[in-house]
């Protein structure tokens, strides 16, 4: 019998709604997109353990909560928290790492990420990796767009995706 991973959770209220954070001793397990209330944010996270595990080095859960609050009011923040490396397939982890490297204010297409991953022609597989991304905002899947520049699939809805991209683009132009 495989033992279940010990998971801690926290919900944080942001200007966009409640965001849930889940972690293990290895790193972040999940972040969810804004929900209308705390209970909804917590429901979308993995089942918790008691007591909650200690966060690994480099993961300050309270600091992350503060950066999420600041992000959703338009501040320029950096998310470099360690991610739980046990999640996803090797291909998904590669795509998530490439996505995490997309600079604020920029976008990439699914096809570009497929080529960068060494799998040209696998844009749909990249899309599936984005759909399974357990860390939206941290791994900014909202920065991945269709080949023709259109906004496509996003767990939080296309309106939120557009808002996040516009907010980030505004931050970029205000620093020039």
N, C-alpha and C. Protein backbone atom coordinates (compact mmCIF):
# COMPACT_ATOMS: atom_id res chain seq x y z
N UNK A 1 0.84 -1.18 0.00
CA UNK A 1 0.00 0.00 0.00
C UNK A 1 0.89 1.25 0.00
N UNK A 2 0.60 2.16 -0.91
CA UNK A 2 1.37 3.39 -1.02
C UNK A 2 0.81 4.40 -0.03
N UNK A 3 1.70 5.02 0.75
CA UNK A 3 1.22 6.00 1.72
C UNK A 3 0.86 7.30 1.00
N UNK A 4 -0.14 7.96 1.52
CA UNK A 4 -0.62 9.21 0.96
C UNK A 4 0.33 10.34 1.35
N UNK A 5 0.55 11.26 0.42
CA UNK A 5 1.42 12.41 0.67
C UNK A 5 0.77 13.33 1.69
N UNK A 6 1.57 13.85 2.60
CA UNK A 6 1.09 14.80 3.58
C UNK A 6 0.94 16.17 2.92
N UNK A 7 -0.26 16.76 3.02
CA UNK A 7 -0.59 18.01 2.33
C UNK A 7 -1.10 19.04 3.33
N UNK A 8 -0.61 20.26 3.19
CA UNK A 8 -1.13 21.40 3.94
C UNK A 8 -1.84 22.33 2.99
N UNK A 9 -2.86 23.05 3.47
CA UNK A 9 -3.60 23.97 2.61
C UNK A 9 -3.85 25.29 3.33
N UNK A 10 -4.06 26.31 2.50
CA UNK A 10 -4.38 27.65 3.01
C UNK A 10 -5.17 28.34 1.91
N UNK A 11 -6.13 29.17 2.29
CA UNK A 11 -6.85 30.01 1.33
C UNK A 11 -6.52 31.46 1.64
N UNK A 12 -6.37 32.24 0.58
CA UNK A 12 -6.04 33.65 0.74
C UNK A 12 -7.03 34.48 -0.07
N UNK A 13 -7.53 35.54 0.56
CA UNK A 13 -8.45 36.42 -0.15
C UNK A 13 -7.65 37.44 -0.96
N UNK A 14 -7.96 37.53 -2.25
CA UNK A 14 -7.31 38.49 -3.14
C UNK A 14 -8.37 39.40 -3.73
N UNK A 15 -7.95 40.41 -4.45
CA UNK A 15 -8.89 41.33 -5.10
C UNK A 15 -9.74 40.61 -6.15
N UNK A 16 -9.26 39.48 -6.66
CA UNK A 16 -9.98 38.73 -7.70
C UNK A 16 -10.84 37.62 -7.12
N UNK A 17 -10.70 37.33 -5.83
CA UNK A 17 -11.42 36.24 -5.20
C UNK A 17 -10.48 35.43 -4.32
N UNK A 18 -10.96 34.30 -3.84
CA UNK A 18 -10.19 33.44 -2.94
C UNK A 18 -9.32 32.47 -3.74
N UNK A 19 -8.04 32.41 -3.37
CA UNK A 19 -7.08 31.52 -4.03
C UNK A 19 -6.61 30.50 -3.00
N UNK A 20 -6.62 29.24 -3.38
CA UNK A 20 -6.16 28.17 -2.50
C UNK A 20 -4.72 27.80 -2.80
N UNK A 21 -3.99 27.46 -1.76
CA UNK A 21 -2.59 27.04 -1.86
C UNK A 21 -2.48 25.69 -1.17
N UNK A 22 -1.83 24.73 -1.82
CA UNK A 22 -1.57 23.42 -1.19
C UNK A 22 -0.09 23.10 -1.35
N UNK A 23 0.50 22.52 -0.30
CA UNK A 23 1.92 22.20 -0.34
C UNK A 23 2.19 20.87 0.34
N UNK A 24 3.32 20.30 -0.01
CA UNK A 24 3.85 19.11 0.64
C UNK A 24 5.25 19.44 1.12
N UNK A 25 5.93 18.48 1.68
CA UNK A 25 7.31 18.71 2.10
C UNK A 25 8.24 18.89 0.90
N UNK A 26 7.77 18.53 -0.29
CA UNK A 26 8.60 18.65 -1.49
C UNK A 26 8.40 19.97 -2.23
N UNK A 27 7.28 20.65 -1.99
CA UNK A 27 7.02 21.91 -2.69
C UNK A 27 5.53 22.15 -2.87
N UNK A 28 5.22 23.14 -3.69
CA UNK A 28 3.82 23.45 -3.97
C UNK A 28 3.16 22.29 -4.69
N UNK A 29 1.99 21.93 -4.25
CA UNK A 29 1.21 20.86 -4.86
C UNK A 29 0.14 21.45 -5.77
N UNK A 30 -0.45 22.57 -5.37
CA UNK A 30 -1.51 23.17 -6.17
C UNK A 30 -1.73 24.62 -5.75
N UNK A 31 -2.15 25.39 -6.73
CA UNK A 31 -2.66 26.75 -6.53
C UNK A 31 -3.92 26.78 -7.38
N UNK A 32 -4.98 27.37 -6.91
CA UNK A 32 -6.13 27.47 -7.80
C UNK A 32 -6.38 28.91 -8.19
N UNK A 33 -7.13 29.07 -9.25
CA UNK A 33 -7.52 30.40 -9.71
C UNK A 33 -8.60 30.93 -8.77
N UNK A 34 -8.82 32.24 -8.77
CA UNK A 34 -9.77 32.83 -7.83
C UNK A 34 -11.16 32.20 -7.87
N UNK A 35 -11.68 31.97 -6.69
CA UNK A 35 -13.02 31.44 -6.47
C UNK A 35 -13.82 32.48 -5.69
N UNK A 36 -15.16 32.40 -5.73
CA UNK A 36 -15.98 33.42 -5.06
C UNK A 36 -15.90 33.42 -3.54
N UNK A 37 -15.54 32.28 -2.93
CA UNK A 37 -15.47 32.24 -1.47
C UNK A 37 -14.40 31.26 -1.02
N UNK A 38 -14.06 31.37 0.25
CA UNK A 38 -12.99 30.55 0.82
C UNK A 38 -13.29 29.06 0.70
N UNK A 39 -14.52 28.67 1.00
CA UNK A 39 -14.87 27.25 0.94
C UNK A 39 -14.67 26.69 -0.46
N UNK A 40 -15.04 27.44 -1.48
CA UNK A 40 -14.87 26.98 -2.87
C UNK A 40 -13.39 26.83 -3.20
N UNK A 41 -12.57 27.77 -2.74
CA UNK A 41 -11.13 27.69 -3.00
C UNK A 41 -10.54 26.45 -2.34
N UNK A 42 -10.94 26.16 -1.11
CA UNK A 42 -10.42 25.00 -0.40
C UNK A 42 -10.91 23.69 -1.00
N UNK A 43 -12.15 23.66 -1.50
CA UNK A 43 -12.70 22.44 -2.11
C UNK A 43 -11.91 22.01 -3.34
N UNK A 44 -11.31 22.95 -4.03
CA UNK A 44 -10.58 22.64 -5.27
C UNK A 44 -9.16 22.13 -5.01
N UNK A 45 -8.77 22.06 -3.75
CA UNK A 45 -7.42 21.61 -3.40
C UNK A 45 -7.43 20.14 -3.01
N UNK A 46 -6.24 19.51 -3.05
CA UNK A 46 -6.16 18.11 -2.59
C UNK A 46 -6.54 18.00 -1.12
N UNK A 47 -6.89 16.79 -0.72
CA UNK A 47 -7.24 16.53 0.68
C UNK A 47 -6.05 16.82 1.58
N UNK A 48 -6.34 17.41 2.73
CA UNK A 48 -5.27 17.83 3.64
C UNK A 48 -4.91 16.74 4.64
N UNK A 49 -3.82 16.99 5.32
CA UNK A 49 -3.34 16.10 6.39
C UNK A 49 -3.26 16.88 7.69
N UNK A 50 -3.38 16.21 8.79
CA UNK A 50 -3.19 16.83 10.10
C UNK A 50 -2.10 16.06 10.80
N UNK A 51 -1.11 16.69 11.31
CA UNK A 51 -0.83 18.12 11.14
C UNK A 51 -0.33 18.40 9.73
N UNK A 52 -0.42 19.65 9.34
CA UNK A 52 0.07 20.06 8.02
C UNK A 52 1.58 19.87 7.98
N UNK A 53 2.11 19.48 6.83
CA UNK A 53 3.56 19.30 6.73
C UNK A 53 4.29 20.64 6.79
N UNK A 54 5.53 20.57 7.21
CA UNK A 54 6.37 21.75 7.16
C UNK A 54 6.68 22.04 5.69
N UNK A 55 6.60 23.29 5.30
CA UNK A 55 6.94 23.66 3.92
C UNK A 55 8.43 23.46 3.71
N UNK A 56 8.83 23.10 2.50
CA UNK A 56 10.25 22.88 2.23
C UNK A 56 11.02 24.20 2.19
N UNK A 57 12.35 24.13 2.24
CA UNK A 57 13.14 25.35 2.10
C UNK A 57 12.77 26.07 0.81
N UNK A 58 12.66 27.38 0.88
CA UNK A 58 12.32 28.17 -0.30
C UNK A 58 10.84 28.40 -0.48
N UNK A 59 10.01 27.76 0.35
CA UNK A 59 8.57 27.96 0.25
C UNK A 59 8.06 28.61 1.53
N UNK A 60 7.80 29.89 1.45
CA UNK A 60 7.22 30.66 2.54
C UNK A 60 5.74 30.85 2.19
N UNK A 61 4.88 30.04 2.77
CA UNK A 61 3.46 30.03 2.41
C UNK A 61 2.82 31.40 2.68
N UNK A 62 3.14 32.03 3.81
CA UNK A 62 2.58 33.35 4.11
C UNK A 62 3.09 34.40 3.13
N UNK A 63 4.36 34.30 2.76
CA UNK A 63 4.93 35.22 1.77
C UNK A 63 4.28 35.03 0.40
N UNK A 64 4.02 33.77 0.04
CA UNK A 64 3.33 33.49 -1.22
C UNK A 64 1.93 34.08 -1.19
N UNK A 65 1.23 33.91 -0.08
CA UNK A 65 -0.12 34.46 0.05
C UNK A 65 -0.08 35.99 -0.16
N UNK A 66 0.90 36.64 0.43
CA UNK A 66 1.03 38.09 0.27
C UNK A 66 1.31 38.46 -1.19
N UNK A 67 2.20 37.70 -1.86
CA UNK A 67 2.49 37.99 -3.28
C UNK A 67 1.27 37.75 -4.16
N UNK A 68 0.46 36.74 -3.85
CA UNK A 68 -0.77 36.52 -4.62
C UNK A 68 -1.71 37.71 -4.45
N UNK A 69 -1.86 38.20 -3.23
CA UNK A 69 -2.69 39.39 -3.00
C UNK A 69 -2.18 40.56 -3.84
N UNK A 70 -0.88 40.78 -3.80
CA UNK A 70 -0.29 41.89 -4.54
C UNK A 70 -0.41 41.70 -6.05
N UNK A 71 -0.24 40.46 -6.52
CA UNK A 71 -0.37 40.18 -7.96
C UNK A 71 -1.76 40.59 -8.45
N UNK A 72 -2.78 40.20 -7.72
CA UNK A 72 -4.15 40.44 -8.18
C UNK A 72 -4.61 41.88 -8.02
N UNK A 73 -3.78 42.76 -7.47
CA UNK A 73 -4.07 44.20 -7.52
C UNK A 73 -3.15 44.87 -8.54
N UNK A 74 -2.41 44.07 -9.29
CA UNK A 74 -1.61 44.60 -10.38
C UNK A 74 -0.16 44.86 -10.08
N UNK A 75 0.32 44.47 -8.91
CA UNK A 75 1.73 44.69 -8.60
C UNK A 75 2.61 43.67 -9.32
N UNK A 76 3.82 44.08 -9.60
CA UNK A 76 4.80 43.21 -10.24
C UNK A 76 5.47 42.38 -9.16
N UNK A 77 5.15 41.10 -9.12
CA UNK A 77 5.73 40.20 -8.12
C UNK A 77 6.36 39.02 -8.84
N UNK A 78 7.29 38.40 -8.16
CA UNK A 78 7.98 37.22 -8.71
C UNK A 78 7.55 35.99 -7.92
N UNK A 79 7.25 34.93 -8.65
CA UNK A 79 6.89 33.66 -8.03
C UNK A 79 7.99 32.65 -8.36
N UNK A 80 8.80 32.31 -7.37
CA UNK A 80 9.87 31.35 -7.62
C UNK A 80 9.84 30.20 -6.61
N UNK A 81 8.67 29.93 -6.09
CA UNK A 81 8.50 28.87 -5.10
C UNK A 81 8.84 27.51 -5.71
N UNK A 82 9.37 26.60 -4.88
CA UNK A 82 9.63 25.25 -5.38
C UNK A 82 8.32 24.50 -5.62
N UNK A 83 8.25 23.80 -6.74
CA UNK A 83 7.08 23.02 -7.10
C UNK A 83 7.34 21.56 -6.72
N UNK A 84 6.30 20.86 -6.31
CA UNK A 84 6.45 19.44 -5.98
C UNK A 84 6.83 18.69 -7.25
N UNK A 85 8.05 18.12 -7.31
CA UNK A 85 8.53 17.51 -8.55
C UNK A 85 7.89 16.16 -8.88
N UNK A 86 7.06 15.65 -7.99
CA UNK A 86 6.44 14.35 -8.24
C UNK A 86 5.20 14.45 -9.13
N UNK A 87 4.77 15.67 -9.43
CA UNK A 87 3.54 15.84 -10.19
C UNK A 87 3.80 15.86 -11.69
N UNK A 88 2.88 15.28 -12.45
CA UNK A 88 2.93 15.31 -13.90
C UNK A 88 3.89 14.30 -14.51
N UNK A 89 3.79 14.19 -15.83
CA UNK A 89 4.68 13.34 -16.60
C UNK A 89 5.96 14.13 -16.90
N UNK A 90 6.96 13.46 -17.43
CA UNK A 90 8.20 14.15 -17.80
C UNK A 90 7.91 15.25 -18.83
N UNK A 91 7.06 14.96 -19.81
CA UNK A 91 6.72 15.96 -20.82
C UNK A 91 6.00 17.14 -20.19
N UNK A 92 5.03 16.87 -19.32
CA UNK A 92 4.30 17.96 -18.66
C UNK A 92 5.25 18.82 -17.83
N UNK A 93 6.14 18.21 -17.08
CA UNK A 93 7.09 18.98 -16.27
C UNK A 93 7.97 19.85 -17.16
N UNK A 94 8.38 19.33 -18.32
CA UNK A 94 9.19 20.12 -19.25
C UNK A 94 8.39 21.32 -19.77
N UNK A 95 7.15 21.08 -20.17
CA UNK A 95 6.30 22.16 -20.68
C UNK A 95 6.02 23.18 -19.57
N UNK A 96 5.76 22.72 -18.36
CA UNK A 96 5.51 23.65 -17.25
C UNK A 96 6.74 24.50 -16.97
N UNK A 97 7.94 23.90 -17.04
CA UNK A 97 9.17 24.67 -16.81
C UNK A 97 9.33 25.74 -17.91
N UNK A 98 9.06 25.38 -19.16
CA UNK A 98 9.14 26.36 -20.26
C UNK A 98 8.10 27.46 -20.07
N UNK A 99 6.93 27.10 -19.62
CA UNK A 99 5.86 28.08 -19.40
C UNK A 99 6.24 29.02 -18.26
N UNK A 100 6.82 28.46 -17.23
CA UNK A 100 7.22 29.28 -16.08
C UNK A 100 8.26 30.32 -16.48
N UNK A 101 9.01 30.04 -17.54
CA UNK A 101 10.07 30.95 -17.99
C UNK A 101 9.55 32.05 -18.92
N UNK A 102 8.27 32.03 -19.29
CA UNK A 102 7.73 33.09 -20.15
C UNK A 102 7.70 34.39 -19.34
N UNK A 103 8.40 35.41 -19.81
CA UNK A 103 8.43 36.66 -19.04
C UNK A 103 7.06 37.34 -18.95
N UNK A 104 6.85 38.03 -17.87
CA UNK A 104 5.64 38.84 -17.67
C UNK A 104 5.51 39.80 -18.85
N UNK A 105 4.29 39.94 -19.35
CA UNK A 105 4.04 40.84 -20.47
C UNK A 105 4.27 40.20 -21.83
N UNK A 106 4.68 38.93 -21.86
CA UNK A 106 4.89 38.23 -23.12
C UNK A 106 4.00 37.00 -23.17
N UNK A 107 3.82 36.49 -24.39
CA UNK A 107 3.05 35.25 -24.58
C UNK A 107 3.84 34.31 -25.48
N UNK A 108 3.44 33.06 -25.48
CA UNK A 108 3.96 32.05 -26.40
C UNK A 108 2.76 31.26 -26.89
N UNK A 109 2.89 30.69 -28.06
CA UNK A 109 1.82 29.84 -28.57
C UNK A 109 2.07 28.39 -28.11
N UNK A 110 1.03 27.59 -28.18
CA UNK A 110 1.16 26.17 -27.85
C UNK A 110 2.21 25.53 -28.75
N UNK A 111 2.20 25.91 -30.04
CA UNK A 111 3.17 25.37 -31.00
C UNK A 111 4.60 25.79 -30.66
N UNK A 112 4.80 27.02 -30.25
CA UNK A 112 6.15 27.47 -29.87
C UNK A 112 6.66 26.65 -28.69
N UNK A 113 5.80 26.43 -27.71
CA UNK A 113 6.23 25.63 -26.55
C UNK A 113 6.54 24.19 -26.97
N UNK A 114 5.74 23.64 -27.88
CA UNK A 114 6.00 22.28 -28.36
C UNK A 114 7.37 22.21 -29.02
N UNK A 115 7.68 23.19 -29.87
CA UNK A 115 9.00 23.22 -30.52
C UNK A 115 10.12 23.37 -29.50
N UNK A 116 9.94 24.28 -28.53
CA UNK A 116 10.96 24.48 -27.49
C UNK A 116 11.19 23.20 -26.68
N UNK A 117 10.13 22.41 -26.53
CA UNK A 117 10.23 21.15 -25.79
C UNK A 117 10.82 20.03 -26.64
N UNK A 118 11.09 20.33 -27.92
CA UNK A 118 11.64 19.31 -28.80
C UNK A 118 10.60 18.37 -29.37
N UNK A 119 9.34 18.82 -29.36
CA UNK A 119 8.23 18.00 -29.85
C UNK A 119 7.38 18.80 -30.82
N UNK A 120 8.01 19.32 -31.89
CA UNK A 120 7.25 20.09 -32.88
C UNK A 120 6.06 19.27 -33.33
N UNK A 121 4.94 19.92 -33.52
CA UNK A 121 3.72 19.22 -33.92
C UNK A 121 2.91 18.70 -32.75
N UNK A 122 3.35 18.97 -31.54
CA UNK A 122 2.65 18.48 -30.35
C UNK A 122 1.93 19.60 -29.60
N UNK A 123 1.40 20.57 -30.35
CA UNK A 123 0.72 21.70 -29.71
C UNK A 123 -0.45 21.23 -28.86
N UNK A 124 -1.17 20.21 -29.32
CA UNK A 124 -2.31 19.72 -28.52
C UNK A 124 -1.85 19.09 -27.21
N UNK A 125 -0.72 18.40 -27.25
CA UNK A 125 -0.18 17.82 -26.01
C UNK A 125 0.23 18.93 -25.05
N UNK A 126 0.74 20.03 -25.59
CA UNK A 126 1.07 21.19 -24.75
C UNK A 126 -0.22 21.74 -24.14
N UNK A 127 -1.28 21.82 -24.94
CA UNK A 127 -2.57 22.28 -24.43
C UNK A 127 -3.08 21.39 -23.30
N UNK A 128 -2.88 20.08 -23.44
CA UNK A 128 -3.28 19.16 -22.37
C UNK A 128 -2.44 19.38 -21.11
N UNK A 129 -1.16 19.66 -21.30
CA UNK A 129 -0.30 19.95 -20.14
C UNK A 129 -0.78 21.23 -19.45
N UNK A 130 -1.18 22.23 -20.24
CA UNK A 130 -1.69 23.47 -19.65
C UNK A 130 -2.98 23.19 -18.88
N UNK A 131 -3.85 22.35 -19.43
CA UNK A 131 -5.11 22.03 -18.77
C UNK A 131 -4.88 21.30 -17.44
N UNK A 132 -3.76 20.60 -17.33
CA UNK A 132 -3.45 19.85 -16.10
C UNK A 132 -2.48 20.60 -15.19
N UNK A 133 -2.17 21.84 -15.52
CA UNK A 133 -1.24 22.65 -14.73
C UNK A 133 -1.82 22.86 -13.33
N UNK A 134 -1.18 22.31 -12.31
CA UNK A 134 -1.71 22.48 -10.95
C UNK A 134 -1.37 23.81 -10.30
N UNK A 135 -0.60 24.67 -11.00
CA UNK A 135 -0.14 25.91 -10.39
C UNK A 135 -0.41 27.15 -11.25
N UNK A 136 -1.65 27.38 -11.70
CA UNK A 136 -1.86 28.59 -12.51
C UNK A 136 -1.40 29.83 -11.73
N UNK A 137 -0.96 30.81 -12.39
CA UNK A 137 -0.32 32.03 -11.90
C UNK A 137 1.16 31.74 -11.66
N UNK A 138 1.51 30.72 -10.88
CA UNK A 138 2.90 30.37 -10.62
C UNK A 138 3.55 29.85 -11.90
N UNK A 139 2.88 28.92 -12.57
CA UNK A 139 3.24 28.46 -13.92
C UNK A 139 2.21 29.14 -14.81
N UNK A 140 2.56 30.29 -15.39
CA UNK A 140 1.57 31.20 -15.99
C UNK A 140 0.97 30.72 -17.31
N UNK A 141 0.10 29.72 -17.22
CA UNK A 141 -0.52 29.16 -18.42
C UNK A 141 -1.40 30.19 -19.13
N UNK A 142 -1.77 31.27 -18.45
CA UNK A 142 -2.54 32.33 -19.11
C UNK A 142 -1.71 33.03 -20.18
N UNK A 143 -0.40 32.85 -20.16
CA UNK A 143 0.48 33.47 -21.16
C UNK A 143 0.63 32.62 -22.42
N UNK A 144 -0.08 31.50 -22.48
CA UNK A 144 -0.03 30.61 -23.64
C UNK A 144 -1.30 30.82 -24.46
N UNK A 145 -1.10 31.11 -25.75
CA UNK A 145 -2.22 31.49 -26.63
C UNK A 145 -2.23 30.62 -27.88
N UNK A 146 -3.30 30.76 -28.65
CA UNK A 146 -3.44 30.02 -29.90
C UNK A 146 -2.45 30.50 -30.95
N UNK A 147 -2.26 29.70 -32.00
CA UNK A 147 -1.29 30.01 -33.05
C UNK A 147 -1.60 31.32 -33.78
N UNK A 148 -2.86 31.71 -33.76
CA UNK A 148 -3.27 32.93 -34.46
C UNK A 148 -3.38 34.13 -33.51
N UNK A 149 -2.90 33.97 -32.30
CA UNK A 149 -2.92 35.06 -31.32
C UNK A 149 -4.19 35.14 -30.50
N UNK A 150 -5.14 34.26 -30.78
CA UNK A 150 -6.39 34.29 -30.00
C UNK A 150 -6.21 33.61 -28.66
N UNK A 151 -7.01 34.07 -27.72
CA UNK A 151 -7.03 33.43 -26.41
C UNK A 151 -7.82 32.14 -26.53
N UNK A 152 -7.27 31.08 -25.98
CA UNK A 152 -7.93 29.78 -26.00
C UNK A 152 -7.90 29.22 -24.59
N UNK A 153 -8.62 28.14 -24.39
CA UNK A 153 -8.79 27.44 -23.14
C UNK A 153 -8.05 27.96 -21.92
N UNK A 154 -8.80 28.17 -20.85
CA UNK A 154 -8.22 28.59 -19.58
C UNK A 154 -9.20 28.22 -18.49
N UNK A 155 -8.71 27.54 -17.47
CA UNK A 155 -9.57 27.05 -16.40
C UNK A 155 -10.38 28.13 -15.69
N UNK A 156 -9.87 29.34 -15.67
CA UNK A 156 -10.57 30.44 -15.02
C UNK A 156 -11.47 31.21 -15.96
N UNK A 157 -11.54 30.78 -17.22
CA UNK A 157 -12.35 31.46 -18.22
C UNK A 157 -11.51 32.47 -19.01
N UNK A 158 -11.93 32.72 -20.22
CA UNK A 158 -11.17 33.61 -21.10
C UNK A 158 -11.17 35.06 -20.62
N UNK A 159 -12.22 35.49 -19.93
CA UNK A 159 -12.25 36.87 -19.41
C UNK A 159 -11.14 37.07 -18.38
N UNK A 160 -10.94 36.09 -17.49
CA UNK A 160 -9.87 36.20 -16.50
C UNK A 160 -8.51 36.14 -17.19
N UNK A 161 -8.36 35.27 -18.19
CA UNK A 161 -7.10 35.18 -18.93
C UNK A 161 -6.77 36.53 -19.57
N UNK A 162 -7.75 37.13 -20.21
CA UNK A 162 -7.54 38.43 -20.85
C UNK A 162 -7.19 39.49 -19.81
N UNK A 163 -7.90 39.48 -18.69
CA UNK A 163 -7.61 40.46 -17.63
C UNK A 163 -6.18 40.31 -17.13
N UNK A 164 -5.74 39.08 -16.90
CA UNK A 164 -4.39 38.86 -16.39
C UNK A 164 -3.34 39.31 -17.40
N UNK A 165 -3.57 39.01 -18.68
CA UNK A 165 -2.62 39.43 -19.71
C UNK A 165 -2.57 40.95 -19.82
N UNK A 166 -3.73 41.59 -19.79
CA UNK A 166 -3.78 43.05 -19.87
C UNK A 166 -3.12 43.69 -18.65
N UNK A 167 -3.37 43.11 -17.48
CA UNK A 167 -2.76 43.63 -16.26
C UNK A 167 -1.24 43.54 -16.35
N UNK A 168 -0.74 42.40 -16.81
CA UNK A 168 0.71 42.23 -16.92
C UNK A 168 1.30 43.12 -18.01
N UNK A 169 0.59 43.28 -19.12
CA UNK A 169 1.08 44.16 -20.18
C UNK A 169 1.13 45.60 -19.69
N UNK A 170 0.15 46.00 -18.89
CA UNK A 170 0.14 47.34 -18.31
C UNK A 170 1.32 47.56 -17.41
N UNK A 171 1.69 46.53 -16.64
CA UNK A 171 2.85 46.64 -15.77
C UNK A 171 4.11 46.84 -16.60
N UNK A 172 4.19 46.11 -17.71
CA UNK A 172 5.38 46.22 -18.56
C UNK A 172 5.47 47.62 -19.16
N UNK A 173 4.37 48.15 -19.70
CA UNK A 173 4.44 49.45 -20.36
C UNK A 173 4.65 50.57 -19.35
N UNK A 174 4.20 50.38 -18.11
CA UNK A 174 4.37 51.43 -17.11
C UNK A 174 5.82 51.50 -16.63
N UNK A 175 6.62 50.45 -16.88
CA UNK A 175 8.02 50.46 -16.45
C UNK A 175 8.94 50.96 -17.56
N UNK A 176 8.43 51.21 -18.74
CA UNK A 176 9.28 51.62 -19.87
C UNK A 176 9.54 53.11 -19.81
